[in-house]
């Protein structure tokens, strides 16, 4: 599990593609090599990958076909920057929101707007993810935990504070770029329960209102 608090901006050192698979070699800058082992989980642009080999300041990880087709890792090129976050330790500090590292889809950056010290991004929203995005709710874009400002029929917006602009790759994205999106896992469970056809007590809007949600 991750929290969406980016710990490092790495850079792609090598890419080995074979069919619908990729082996990535990524330079680390701030991550502590001494506390990292082969088999550990690292989120790369929000995608949970397993460290397959480890060197002084470089790790390698394999991307399977499902990830190849669903994420923006397929578009990476040598020297591209990537967001990095190690998985949360059992005694770790929880500062973002629950991020699983299982990306739902890629979404297009539609607009960027500077507002004082903030940078607002307008993001396209696929139909399948629309029920899972709510105003003031949480969303992860390229692995970064963010708060949804508002939602429209075909998109939503988020705002980057200066720290997020400096310590993630989001501020440098260009219009038309694709970002990995992972919607809030709690929202997914609620949506599934509300749409369930099974017999027994039904969780719907009336039930949630009655129970203070």
N, C-alpha and C. Protein backbone atom coordinates (compact mmCIF):
# COMPACT_ATOMS: atom_id res chain seq x y z
N UNK A 1 0.84 -1.19 0.00
CA UNK A 1 0.00 0.00 0.00
C UNK A 1 0.88 1.24 0.00
N UNK A 2 0.35 2.32 -0.61
CA UNK A 2 1.06 3.59 -0.69
C UNK A 2 0.15 4.70 -0.16
N UNK A 3 0.69 5.91 -0.06
CA UNK A 3 -0.10 7.03 0.45
C UNK A 3 -0.24 8.16 -0.56
N UNK A 4 0.49 8.09 -1.67
CA UNK A 4 0.42 9.16 -2.65
C UNK A 4 1.31 10.35 -2.32
N UNK A 5 2.20 10.20 -1.33
CA UNK A 5 3.17 11.24 -1.01
C UNK A 5 4.47 10.87 -1.71
N UNK A 6 4.80 11.59 -2.77
CA UNK A 6 5.96 11.26 -3.59
C UNK A 6 7.25 11.51 -2.81
N UNK A 7 8.15 10.53 -2.83
CA UNK A 7 9.39 10.60 -2.06
C UNK A 7 10.60 10.96 -2.89
N UNK A 8 10.49 10.81 -4.20
CA UNK A 8 11.66 11.05 -5.05
C UNK A 8 11.20 11.22 -6.48
N UNK A 9 11.95 11.98 -7.25
CA UNK A 9 11.78 12.03 -8.70
C UNK A 9 12.97 11.31 -9.30
N UNK A 10 12.70 10.13 -9.85
CA UNK A 10 13.76 9.37 -10.49
C UNK A 10 13.82 9.68 -11.98
N UNK A 11 14.77 9.05 -12.66
CA UNK A 11 14.88 9.20 -14.11
C UNK A 11 15.10 7.84 -14.76
N UNK A 12 14.43 7.67 -15.88
CA UNK A 12 14.57 6.41 -16.62
C UNK A 12 15.97 6.32 -17.21
N UNK A 13 16.66 5.25 -16.85
CA UNK A 13 18.02 5.06 -17.34
C UNK A 13 18.06 4.17 -18.57
N UNK A 14 17.29 3.08 -18.52
CA UNK A 14 17.22 2.18 -19.66
C UNK A 14 15.81 1.61 -19.78
N UNK A 15 15.42 1.29 -21.01
CA UNK A 15 14.13 0.66 -21.28
C UNK A 15 14.36 -0.52 -22.21
N UNK A 16 13.91 -1.69 -21.79
CA UNK A 16 14.00 -2.87 -22.64
C UNK A 16 12.59 -3.38 -22.89
N UNK A 17 12.10 -3.21 -24.12
CA UNK A 17 10.76 -3.64 -24.49
C UNK A 17 10.83 -4.96 -25.26
N UNK A 18 9.93 -5.86 -24.94
CA UNK A 18 9.80 -7.11 -25.66
C UNK A 18 8.32 -7.47 -25.72
N UNK A 19 7.72 -7.26 -26.88
CA UNK A 19 6.29 -7.48 -27.01
C UNK A 19 5.52 -6.54 -26.12
N UNK A 20 4.67 -7.09 -25.26
CA UNK A 20 3.86 -6.29 -24.36
C UNK A 20 4.45 -6.24 -22.95
N UNK A 21 5.75 -6.37 -22.84
CA UNK A 21 6.42 -6.28 -21.54
C UNK A 21 7.54 -5.26 -21.62
N UNK A 22 7.92 -4.74 -20.46
CA UNK A 22 9.00 -3.77 -20.37
C UNK A 22 9.86 -4.10 -19.15
N UNK A 23 11.14 -3.91 -19.27
CA UNK A 23 12.02 -3.89 -18.11
C UNK A 23 12.60 -2.48 -18.01
N UNK A 24 12.32 -1.84 -16.88
CA UNK A 24 12.76 -0.46 -16.64
C UNK A 24 13.95 -0.44 -15.69
N UNK A 25 14.93 0.39 -16.00
CA UNK A 25 16.02 0.71 -15.08
C UNK A 25 15.87 2.19 -14.73
N UNK A 26 15.77 2.48 -13.43
CA UNK A 26 15.45 3.83 -12.99
C UNK A 26 16.47 4.32 -11.96
N UNK A 27 17.00 5.51 -12.20
CA UNK A 27 17.90 6.16 -11.24
C UNK A 27 17.11 6.71 -10.06
N UNK A 28 17.64 6.50 -8.86
CA UNK A 28 17.07 7.09 -7.65
C UNK A 28 17.95 8.26 -7.22
N UNK A 29 17.31 9.28 -6.62
CA UNK A 29 18.06 10.42 -6.09
C UNK A 29 18.03 10.47 -4.57
N UNK A 30 16.82 10.40 -4.00
CA UNK A 30 16.65 10.55 -2.56
C UNK A 30 16.35 9.25 -1.82
N UNK A 31 15.88 8.24 -2.52
CA UNK A 31 15.55 6.99 -1.85
C UNK A 31 16.82 6.36 -1.29
N UNK A 32 16.71 5.79 -0.11
CA UNK A 32 17.84 5.20 0.59
C UNK A 32 18.10 3.78 0.10
N UNK A 33 19.18 3.59 -0.62
CA UNK A 33 19.55 2.27 -1.15
C UNK A 33 19.73 1.25 -0.03
N UNK A 34 20.21 1.70 1.12
CA UNK A 34 20.50 0.77 2.22
C UNK A 34 19.24 0.17 2.84
N UNK A 35 18.11 0.81 2.64
CA UNK A 35 16.86 0.30 3.19
C UNK A 35 15.94 -0.27 2.10
N UNK A 36 16.53 -0.61 0.97
CA UNK A 36 15.76 -1.13 -0.16
C UNK A 36 16.33 -2.48 -0.56
N UNK A 37 15.45 -3.44 -0.82
CA UNK A 37 15.89 -4.79 -1.17
C UNK A 37 15.17 -5.28 -2.41
N UNK A 38 15.78 -6.26 -3.08
CA UNK A 38 15.11 -6.95 -4.18
C UNK A 38 13.82 -7.58 -3.63
N UNK A 39 12.72 -7.41 -4.37
CA UNK A 39 11.42 -7.90 -3.92
C UNK A 39 10.55 -6.84 -3.30
N UNK A 40 11.15 -5.69 -2.95
CA UNK A 40 10.36 -4.60 -2.37
C UNK A 40 9.48 -3.95 -3.44
N UNK A 41 8.42 -3.27 -2.98
CA UNK A 41 7.50 -2.59 -3.88
C UNK A 41 7.82 -1.10 -3.97
N UNK A 42 7.82 -0.58 -5.18
CA UNK A 42 7.98 0.85 -5.43
C UNK A 42 6.92 1.26 -6.43
N UNK A 43 6.23 2.38 -6.15
CA UNK A 43 5.28 2.93 -7.11
C UNK A 43 6.02 3.85 -8.06
N UNK A 44 5.93 3.55 -9.35
CA UNK A 44 6.54 4.37 -10.41
C UNK A 44 5.40 5.03 -11.18
N UNK A 45 5.27 6.34 -11.04
CA UNK A 45 4.12 7.06 -11.61
C UNK A 45 2.81 6.43 -11.15
N UNK A 46 2.81 5.97 -9.89
CA UNK A 46 1.59 5.41 -9.32
C UNK A 46 1.36 3.95 -9.59
N UNK A 47 2.27 3.30 -10.32
CA UNK A 47 2.13 1.89 -10.65
C UNK A 47 3.00 1.07 -9.70
N UNK A 48 2.40 0.15 -8.98
CA UNK A 48 3.14 -0.70 -8.06
C UNK A 48 3.99 -1.70 -8.84
N UNK A 49 5.32 -1.56 -8.71
CA UNK A 49 6.27 -2.46 -9.36
C UNK A 49 7.15 -3.12 -8.31
N UNK A 50 7.70 -4.26 -8.64
CA UNK A 50 8.58 -5.01 -7.74
C UNK A 50 10.03 -4.84 -8.17
N UNK A 51 10.89 -4.49 -7.24
CA UNK A 51 12.32 -4.35 -7.53
C UNK A 51 12.88 -5.72 -7.87
N UNK A 52 13.41 -5.86 -9.10
CA UNK A 52 13.95 -7.15 -9.53
C UNK A 52 15.47 -7.22 -9.41
N UNK A 53 16.13 -6.07 -9.47
CA UNK A 53 17.57 -6.01 -9.21
C UNK A 53 17.89 -4.60 -8.71
N UNK A 54 19.02 -4.49 -8.03
CA UNK A 54 19.33 -3.26 -7.31
C UNK A 54 20.83 -3.00 -7.35
N UNK A 55 21.15 -1.74 -7.68
CA UNK A 55 22.54 -1.32 -7.72
C UNK A 55 22.70 -0.09 -6.83
N UNK A 56 23.80 0.61 -6.94
CA UNK A 56 24.08 1.72 -6.02
C UNK A 56 22.97 2.75 -6.01
N UNK A 57 22.59 3.24 -7.17
CA UNK A 57 21.54 4.26 -7.25
C UNK A 57 20.52 3.94 -8.34
N UNK A 58 20.44 2.68 -8.74
CA UNK A 58 19.54 2.26 -9.81
C UNK A 58 18.82 0.98 -9.40
N UNK A 59 17.52 0.91 -9.72
CA UNK A 59 16.80 -0.36 -9.57
C UNK A 59 16.14 -0.71 -10.89
N UNK A 60 15.87 -1.99 -11.09
CA UNK A 60 15.15 -2.43 -12.26
C UNK A 60 13.84 -3.06 -11.83
N UNK A 61 12.84 -2.98 -12.69
CA UNK A 61 11.53 -3.56 -12.41
C UNK A 61 10.89 -3.97 -13.73
N UNK A 62 10.10 -5.04 -13.68
CA UNK A 62 9.44 -5.56 -14.87
C UNK A 62 7.99 -5.11 -14.92
N UNK A 63 7.55 -4.74 -16.12
CA UNK A 63 6.18 -4.31 -16.37
C UNK A 63 5.48 -5.40 -17.17
N UNK A 64 4.40 -5.97 -16.60
CA UNK A 64 3.68 -7.05 -17.27
C UNK A 64 2.68 -6.49 -18.29
N UNK A 65 2.12 -7.35 -19.17
CA UNK A 65 1.23 -6.86 -20.23
C UNK A 65 0.04 -6.04 -19.74
N UNK A 66 -0.62 -6.44 -18.63
CA UNK A 66 -1.76 -5.68 -18.12
C UNK A 66 -1.36 -4.24 -17.82
N UNK A 67 -0.21 -4.07 -17.18
CA UNK A 67 0.28 -2.73 -16.86
C UNK A 67 0.72 -2.00 -18.12
N UNK A 68 1.30 -2.72 -19.06
CA UNK A 68 1.74 -2.17 -20.34
C UNK A 68 0.58 -1.48 -21.05
N UNK A 69 -0.59 -2.13 -21.04
CA UNK A 69 -1.73 -1.62 -21.80
C UNK A 69 -2.54 -0.56 -21.03
N UNK A 70 -2.47 -0.55 -19.69
CA UNK A 70 -3.35 0.32 -18.91
C UNK A 70 -2.70 1.59 -18.39
N UNK A 71 -1.38 1.71 -18.49
CA UNK A 71 -0.71 2.84 -17.84
C UNK A 71 0.15 3.61 -18.84
N UNK A 72 0.67 4.74 -18.35
CA UNK A 72 1.52 5.56 -19.22
C UNK A 72 2.98 5.12 -19.21
N UNK A 73 3.29 4.01 -18.52
CA UNK A 73 4.67 3.53 -18.53
C UNK A 73 5.13 3.14 -19.93
N UNK A 74 4.18 2.76 -20.78
CA UNK A 74 4.51 2.37 -22.15
C UNK A 74 5.09 3.53 -22.94
N UNK A 75 4.81 4.78 -22.52
CA UNK A 75 5.28 5.95 -23.25
C UNK A 75 6.60 6.50 -22.72
N UNK A 76 7.13 5.89 -21.68
CA UNK A 76 8.39 6.38 -21.11
C UNK A 76 9.53 6.25 -22.11
N UNK A 77 10.43 7.22 -22.04
CA UNK A 77 11.65 7.17 -22.83
C UNK A 77 12.84 7.44 -21.92
N UNK A 78 14.01 7.16 -22.42
CA UNK A 78 15.22 7.34 -21.63
C UNK A 78 15.33 8.79 -21.16
N UNK A 79 15.68 8.97 -19.89
CA UNK A 79 15.88 10.24 -19.21
C UNK A 79 14.58 10.92 -18.80
N UNK A 80 13.42 10.27 -19.04
CA UNK A 80 12.15 10.83 -18.57
C UNK A 80 12.12 10.80 -17.04
N UNK A 81 11.58 11.85 -16.39
CA UNK A 81 11.41 11.82 -14.94
C UNK A 81 10.18 11.01 -14.55
N UNK A 82 10.24 10.38 -13.39
CA UNK A 82 9.10 9.60 -12.90
C UNK A 82 8.95 9.82 -11.40
N UNK A 83 7.69 9.83 -10.94
CA UNK A 83 7.41 9.90 -9.51
C UNK A 83 7.71 8.55 -8.86
N UNK A 84 8.36 8.59 -7.70
CA UNK A 84 8.68 7.37 -6.98
C UNK A 84 8.17 7.44 -5.55
N UNK A 85 7.58 6.34 -5.08
CA UNK A 85 7.19 6.21 -3.67
C UNK A 85 7.36 4.76 -3.24
N UNK A 86 8.03 4.57 -2.13
CA UNK A 86 8.15 3.23 -1.56
C UNK A 86 6.84 2.87 -0.87
N UNK A 87 6.60 1.56 -0.74
CA UNK A 87 5.39 1.12 -0.04
C UNK A 87 5.47 1.53 1.42
N UNK A 88 4.31 1.70 2.03
CA UNK A 88 4.23 2.20 3.40
C UNK A 88 4.57 1.10 4.40
N UNK A 89 5.52 1.40 5.30
CA UNK A 89 5.83 0.48 6.38
C UNK A 89 4.71 0.42 7.39
N UNK A 90 4.65 -0.68 8.14
CA UNK A 90 3.53 -0.87 9.07
C UNK A 90 3.49 0.22 10.14
N UNK A 91 4.64 0.82 10.44
CA UNK A 91 4.68 1.90 11.44
C UNK A 91 4.86 3.25 10.77
N UNK A 92 4.63 3.30 9.44
CA UNK A 92 4.85 4.53 8.70
C UNK A 92 3.80 5.59 8.98
N UNK A 93 4.16 6.83 8.66
CA UNK A 93 3.25 7.95 8.83
C UNK A 93 2.32 8.04 7.62
N UNK A 94 1.04 8.18 7.89
CA UNK A 94 0.03 8.19 6.82
C UNK A 94 -0.38 9.64 6.55
N UNK A 95 0.15 10.23 5.47
CA UNK A 95 -0.09 11.65 5.19
C UNK A 95 -1.01 11.90 4.01
N UNK A 96 -1.19 10.96 3.11
CA UNK A 96 -2.01 11.17 1.92
C UNK A 96 -3.35 10.48 2.05
N UNK A 97 -3.62 9.53 1.15
CA UNK A 97 -4.79 8.68 1.27
C UNK A 97 -4.40 7.27 0.82
N UNK A 98 -5.31 6.31 0.95
CA UNK A 98 -4.98 4.93 0.60
C UNK A 98 -4.82 4.81 -0.92
N UNK A 99 -3.61 4.47 -1.35
CA UNK A 99 -3.30 4.28 -2.76
C UNK A 99 -2.77 2.86 -2.92
N UNK A 100 -3.38 2.08 -3.79
CA UNK A 100 -3.00 0.67 -3.92
C UNK A 100 -1.87 0.45 -4.92
N UNK A 101 -1.68 1.40 -5.84
CA UNK A 101 -0.70 1.20 -6.90
C UNK A 101 -1.26 0.44 -8.08
N UNK A 102 -2.59 0.25 -8.09
CA UNK A 102 -3.26 -0.44 -9.19
C UNK A 102 -4.02 0.61 -10.01
N UNK A 103 -3.44 1.03 -11.10
CA UNK A 103 -3.97 2.13 -11.91
C UNK A 103 -5.24 1.70 -12.64
N UNK A 104 -6.24 2.59 -12.65
CA UNK A 104 -7.51 2.30 -13.31
C UNK A 104 -7.46 2.56 -14.81
N UNK A 105 -6.80 3.66 -15.19
CA UNK A 105 -6.79 4.06 -16.60
C UNK A 105 -5.79 5.20 -16.76
N UNK A 106 -5.62 5.67 -17.98
CA UNK A 106 -4.88 6.90 -18.22
C UNK A 106 -5.87 7.99 -18.59
N UNK A 107 -5.57 9.23 -18.16
CA UNK A 107 -6.46 10.36 -18.41
C UNK A 107 -5.65 11.49 -19.03
N UNK A 108 -6.32 12.29 -19.85
CA UNK A 108 -5.64 13.35 -20.60
C UNK A 108 -5.65 14.67 -19.83
N UNK A 109 -4.52 15.36 -19.85
CA UNK A 109 -4.44 16.71 -19.30
C UNK A 109 -5.03 17.68 -20.32
N UNK A 110 -6.14 18.34 -19.93
CA UNK A 110 -6.86 19.22 -20.86
C UNK A 110 -6.43 20.67 -20.76
N UNK A 111 -6.06 21.11 -19.55
CA UNK A 111 -5.74 22.53 -19.38
C UNK A 111 -4.88 22.74 -18.14
N UNK A 112 -4.04 23.79 -18.17
CA UNK A 112 -3.25 24.19 -17.01
C UNK A 112 -3.49 25.68 -16.79
N UNK A 113 -3.68 26.08 -15.53
CA UNK A 113 -3.96 27.47 -15.24
C UNK A 113 -3.26 27.88 -13.95
N UNK A 114 -2.47 28.94 -14.04
CA UNK A 114 -1.78 29.46 -12.86
C UNK A 114 -2.73 30.38 -12.08
N UNK A 115 -2.87 30.09 -10.77
CA UNK A 115 -3.70 30.90 -9.91
C UNK A 115 -2.91 31.24 -8.65
N UNK A 116 -2.28 32.44 -8.66
CA UNK A 116 -1.41 32.85 -7.56
C UNK A 116 -0.30 31.81 -7.39
N UNK A 117 -0.19 31.19 -6.22
CA UNK A 117 0.89 30.21 -6.00
C UNK A 117 0.49 28.79 -6.38
N UNK A 118 -0.73 28.63 -6.85
CA UNK A 118 -1.24 27.29 -7.19
C UNK A 118 -1.27 27.09 -8.71
N UNK A 119 -1.19 25.84 -9.10
CA UNK A 119 -1.32 25.47 -10.51
C UNK A 119 -2.49 24.51 -10.62
N UNK A 120 -3.55 24.93 -11.34
CA UNK A 120 -4.75 24.11 -11.48
C UNK A 120 -4.69 23.32 -12.78
N UNK A 121 -4.97 22.03 -12.67
CA UNK A 121 -4.99 21.16 -13.84
C UNK A 121 -6.40 20.66 -14.09
N UNK A 122 -6.84 20.73 -15.33
CA UNK A 122 -8.12 20.19 -15.74
C UNK A 122 -7.89 18.85 -16.42
N UNK A 123 -8.55 17.81 -15.93
CA UNK A 123 -8.29 16.44 -16.35
C UNK A 123 -9.54 15.84 -16.97
N UNK A 124 -9.38 15.16 -18.11
CA UNK A 124 -10.50 14.43 -18.70
C UNK A 124 -10.87 13.25 -17.81
N UNK A 125 -12.15 12.90 -17.81
CA UNK A 125 -12.63 11.85 -16.93
C UNK A 125 -13.35 10.76 -17.74
N UNK A 126 -12.78 9.56 -17.82
CA UNK A 126 -13.47 8.47 -18.54
C UNK A 126 -14.79 8.13 -17.86
N UNK A 127 -15.74 7.68 -18.66
CA UNK A 127 -17.09 7.40 -18.15
C UNK A 127 -17.07 6.39 -17.01
N UNK A 128 -16.21 5.38 -17.12
CA UNK A 128 -16.19 4.33 -16.11
C UNK A 128 -15.78 4.85 -14.73
N UNK A 129 -14.94 5.91 -14.70
CA UNK A 129 -14.46 6.44 -13.43
C UNK A 129 -15.32 7.58 -12.88
N UNK A 130 -16.32 8.06 -13.63
CA UNK A 130 -17.11 9.21 -13.20
C UNK A 130 -17.82 8.99 -11.87
N UNK A 131 -18.41 7.83 -11.60
CA UNK A 131 -19.09 7.66 -10.30
C UNK A 131 -18.12 7.65 -9.12
N UNK A 132 -16.82 7.49 -9.38
CA UNK A 132 -15.84 7.36 -8.30
C UNK A 132 -15.09 8.66 -8.01
N UNK A 133 -15.41 9.73 -8.74
CA UNK A 133 -14.77 11.03 -8.52
C UNK A 133 -15.79 11.98 -7.93
N UNK A 134 -15.51 12.52 -6.74
CA UNK A 134 -16.43 13.45 -6.09
C UNK A 134 -15.68 14.70 -5.66
N UNK A 135 -16.40 15.81 -5.63
CA UNK A 135 -15.81 17.07 -5.19
C UNK A 135 -15.28 16.93 -3.77
N UNK A 136 -14.04 17.41 -3.57
CA UNK A 136 -13.32 17.35 -2.29
C UNK A 136 -12.89 15.93 -1.91
N UNK A 137 -13.09 14.98 -2.82
CA UNK A 137 -12.62 13.62 -2.58
C UNK A 137 -11.16 13.48 -2.99
N UNK A 138 -10.62 12.28 -2.82
CA UNK A 138 -9.22 12.02 -3.11
C UNK A 138 -9.07 11.29 -4.44
N UNK A 139 -7.95 11.57 -5.11
CA UNK A 139 -7.61 10.89 -6.35
C UNK A 139 -6.08 10.87 -6.44
N UNK A 140 -5.54 9.84 -7.08
CA UNK A 140 -4.10 9.77 -7.32
C UNK A 140 -3.83 9.93 -8.81
N UNK A 141 -2.98 10.91 -9.16
CA UNK A 141 -2.55 11.11 -10.54
C UNK A 141 -1.04 10.91 -10.61
N UNK A 142 -0.61 9.98 -11.44
CA UNK A 142 0.80 9.58 -11.49
C UNK A 142 1.32 9.31 -10.09
N UNK A 143 0.45 8.71 -9.26
CA UNK A 143 0.84 8.31 -7.92
C UNK A 143 0.78 9.39 -6.87
N UNK A 144 0.37 10.61 -7.24
CA UNK A 144 0.35 11.74 -6.31
C UNK A 144 -1.03 11.90 -5.70
N UNK A 145 -1.11 11.91 -4.38
CA UNK A 145 -2.38 12.09 -3.67
C UNK A 145 -2.84 13.53 -3.81
N UNK A 146 -4.06 13.71 -4.36
CA UNK A 146 -4.59 15.05 -4.63
C UNK A 146 -6.06 15.12 -4.22
N UNK A 147 -6.52 16.36 -4.02
CA UNK A 147 -7.92 16.61 -3.68
C UNK A 147 -8.64 17.16 -4.90
N UNK A 148 -9.79 16.60 -5.21
CA UNK A 148 -10.59 17.06 -6.34
C UNK A 148 -11.23 18.40 -5.99
N UNK A 149 -11.03 19.41 -6.84
CA UNK A 149 -11.63 20.73 -6.60
C UNK A 149 -13.08 20.73 -7.05
N UNK A 150 -13.30 20.35 -8.29
CA UNK A 150 -14.67 20.29 -8.81
C UNK A 150 -14.75 19.24 -9.90
N UNK A 151 -15.99 18.86 -10.21
CA UNK A 151 -16.26 17.82 -11.20
C UNK A 151 -17.27 18.33 -12.20
N UNK A 152 -17.00 18.08 -13.49
CA UNK A 152 -17.96 18.44 -14.54
C UNK A 152 -18.41 17.17 -15.25
N UNK A 153 -19.19 17.34 -16.30
CA UNK A 153 -19.73 16.18 -17.01
C UNK A 153 -18.63 15.33 -17.64
N UNK A 154 -17.53 15.97 -18.05
CA UNK A 154 -16.50 15.23 -18.77
C UNK A 154 -15.11 15.36 -18.16
N UNK A 155 -15.02 15.92 -16.96
CA UNK A 155 -13.70 16.06 -16.38
C UNK A 155 -13.73 16.53 -14.93
N UNK A 156 -12.55 16.76 -14.38
CA UNK A 156 -12.44 17.28 -13.02
C UNK A 156 -11.15 18.09 -12.93
N UNK A 157 -11.02 18.86 -11.88
CA UNK A 157 -9.82 19.68 -11.71
C UNK A 157 -9.21 19.44 -10.35
N UNK A 158 -7.89 19.60 -10.31
CA UNK A 158 -7.13 19.52 -9.06
C UNK A 158 -6.19 20.73 -9.04
N UNK A 159 -5.66 21.04 -7.87
CA UNK A 159 -4.75 22.18 -7.75
C UNK A 159 -3.48 21.73 -7.05
N UNK A 160 -2.34 22.16 -7.59
CA UNK A 160 -1.04 21.80 -7.04
C UNK A 160 -0.47 22.94 -6.20
N UNK A 161 -0.19 22.67 -4.93
CA UNK A 161 0.49 23.65 -4.10
C UNK A 161 1.96 23.71 -4.52
N UNK A 162 2.69 24.75 -4.11
CA UNK A 162 4.10 24.87 -4.51
C UNK A 162 4.94 23.63 -4.20
N UNK A 163 4.74 23.02 -3.03
CA UNK A 163 5.53 21.83 -2.68
C UNK A 163 5.30 20.71 -3.70
N UNK A 164 4.05 20.49 -4.09
CA UNK A 164 3.74 19.43 -5.06
C UNK A 164 4.30 19.78 -6.43
N UNK A 165 4.29 21.06 -6.78
CA UNK A 165 4.88 21.48 -8.05
C UNK A 165 6.36 21.19 -8.10
N UNK A 166 7.05 21.35 -6.97
CA UNK A 166 8.49 21.18 -6.93
C UNK A 166 8.92 19.73 -6.76
N UNK A 167 8.11 18.92 -6.09
CA UNK A 167 8.55 17.59 -5.69
C UNK A 167 7.83 16.45 -6.42
N UNK A 168 7.08 16.77 -7.48
CA UNK A 168 6.50 15.74 -8.34
C UNK A 168 6.69 16.19 -9.79
N UNK A 169 6.32 15.31 -10.71
CA UNK A 169 6.48 15.64 -12.13
C UNK A 169 5.25 16.30 -12.74
N UNK A 170 4.20 16.51 -11.94
CA UNK A 170 2.92 16.96 -12.50
C UNK A 170 2.98 18.36 -13.10
N UNK A 171 3.71 19.26 -12.48
CA UNK A 171 3.75 20.65 -12.97
C UNK A 171 4.38 20.75 -14.35
N UNK A 172 5.19 19.78 -14.73
CA UNK A 172 5.88 19.82 -16.02
C UNK A 172 5.14 19.08 -17.12
N UNK A 173 3.95 18.57 -16.81
CA UNK A 173 3.16 17.89 -17.83
C UNK A 173 2.66 18.89 -18.87
N UNK A 174 2.52 18.42 -20.10
CA UNK A 174 2.03 19.26 -21.19
C UNK A 174 0.60 18.88 -21.55
N UNK A 175 -0.12 19.82 -22.16
CA UNK A 175 -1.49 19.54 -22.60
C UNK A 175 -1.48 18.35 -23.54
N UNK A 176 -2.41 17.43 -23.32
CA UNK A 176 -2.48 16.22 -24.12
C UNK A 176 -1.72 15.05 -23.53
N UNK A 177 -0.87 15.30 -22.54
CA UNK A 177 -0.16 14.20 -21.89
C UNK A 177 -1.14 13.29 -21.16
N UNK A 178 -0.79 12.03 -21.04
CA UNK A 178 -1.61 11.06 -20.34
C UNK A 178 -1.05 10.82 -18.94
N UNK A 179 -1.93 10.84 -17.95
CA UNK A 179 -1.56 10.60 -16.56
C UNK A 179 -2.24 9.33 -16.07
N UNK A 180 -1.56 8.60 -15.21
CA UNK A 180 -2.17 7.43 -14.58
C UNK A 180 -3.15 7.90 -13.50
N UNK A 181 -4.34 7.34 -13.51
CA UNK A 181 -5.33 7.70 -12.48
C UNK A 181 -5.70 6.46 -11.67
N UNK A 182 -5.74 6.65 -10.36
CA UNK A 182 -6.30 5.65 -9.45
C UNK A 182 -7.31 6.36 -8.56
N UNK A 183 -8.56 5.96 -8.67
CA UNK A 183 -9.59 6.59 -7.85
C UNK A 183 -9.56 5.98 -6.45
N UNK A 184 -10.25 6.64 -5.53
CA UNK A 184 -10.24 6.26 -4.12
C UNK A 184 -10.82 4.85 -3.94
N UNK A 185 -10.05 3.95 -3.34
CA UNK A 185 -10.48 2.57 -3.16
C UNK A 185 -11.74 2.48 -2.30
N UNK A 186 -11.89 3.38 -1.33
CA UNK A 186 -13.10 3.37 -0.50
C UNK A 186 -14.33 3.71 -1.35
N UNK A 187 -14.18 4.66 -2.26
CA UNK A 187 -15.27 5.01 -3.16
C UNK A 187 -15.65 3.85 -4.07
N UNK A 188 -14.66 3.06 -4.48
CA UNK A 188 -14.94 1.90 -5.33
C UNK A 188 -15.80 0.88 -4.59
N UNK A 189 -15.44 0.64 -3.33
CA UNK A 189 -16.21 -0.33 -2.55
C UNK A 189 -17.64 0.15 -2.34
N UNK A 190 -17.80 1.44 -2.02
CA UNK A 190 -19.15 1.99 -1.82
C UNK A 190 -19.97 1.86 -3.10
N UNK A 191 -19.36 2.21 -4.25
CA UNK A 191 -20.06 2.12 -5.53
C UNK A 191 -20.49 0.68 -5.81
N UNK A 192 -19.60 -0.27 -5.55
CA UNK A 192 -19.92 -1.68 -5.79
C UNK A 192 -21.06 -2.15 -4.90
N UNK A 193 -21.03 -1.77 -3.62
CA UNK A 193 -22.09 -2.18 -2.69
C UNK A 193 -23.43 -1.56 -3.07
N UNK A 194 -23.40 -0.30 -3.48
CA UNK A 194 -24.65 0.37 -3.85
C UNK A 194 -25.27 -0.22 -5.11
N UNK A 195 -24.42 -0.78 -5.99
CA UNK A 195 -24.91 -1.36 -7.24
C UNK A 195 -25.14 -2.86 -7.14
N UNK A 196 -24.92 -3.42 -5.95
CA UNK A 196 -25.05 -4.86 -5.78
C UNK A 196 -26.51 -5.30 -5.95
N UNK A 197 -26.71 -6.44 -6.62
CA UNK A 197 -28.05 -7.00 -6.86
C UNK A 197 -28.38 -8.11 -5.86
N UNK A 198 -27.46 -8.36 -4.93
CA UNK A 198 -27.68 -9.46 -3.98
C UNK A 198 -28.82 -9.13 -3.03
N UNK A 199 -29.47 -10.19 -2.52
CA UNK A 199 -30.57 -10.00 -1.58
C UNK A 199 -30.03 -9.56 -0.23
N UNK A 200 -30.92 -9.04 0.62
CA UNK A 200 -30.50 -8.56 1.93
C UNK A 200 -30.56 -7.04 1.97
N UNK A 201 -30.17 -6.46 3.09
CA UNK A 201 -30.21 -5.00 3.24
C UNK A 201 -29.41 -4.33 2.13
N UNK A 202 -29.98 -3.34 1.50
CA UNK A 202 -29.33 -2.66 0.40
C UNK A 202 -28.72 -1.34 0.86
N UNK A 203 -27.48 -1.13 0.45
CA UNK A 203 -26.85 0.15 0.76
C UNK A 203 -27.15 1.10 -0.39
N UNK A 204 -27.98 2.10 -0.12
CA UNK A 204 -28.30 3.11 -1.12
C UNK A 204 -28.20 4.48 -0.46
N UNK A 205 -28.60 5.52 -1.18
CA UNK A 205 -28.47 6.87 -0.66
C UNK A 205 -29.30 7.04 0.62
N UNK A 206 -30.49 6.44 0.67
CA UNK A 206 -31.33 6.54 1.85
C UNK A 206 -30.62 5.90 3.06
N UNK A 207 -30.02 4.74 2.87
CA UNK A 207 -29.31 4.07 3.95
C UNK A 207 -28.16 4.91 4.46
N UNK A 208 -27.39 5.49 3.51
CA UNK A 208 -26.26 6.31 3.92
C UNK A 208 -26.70 7.56 4.66
N UNK A 209 -27.78 8.20 4.19
CA UNK A 209 -28.32 9.39 4.87
C UNK A 209 -28.76 9.05 6.29
N UNK A 210 -29.45 7.92 6.43
CA UNK A 210 -29.96 7.50 7.74
C UNK A 210 -28.83 7.25 8.72
N UNK A 211 -27.69 6.76 8.21
CA UNK A 211 -26.58 6.40 9.08
C UNK A 211 -25.49 7.47 9.15
N UNK A 212 -25.84 8.66 8.72
CA UNK A 212 -24.96 9.80 8.93
C UNK A 212 -23.84 9.97 7.93
N UNK A 213 -23.95 9.34 6.74
CA UNK A 213 -22.90 9.49 5.73
C UNK A 213 -23.26 10.58 4.72
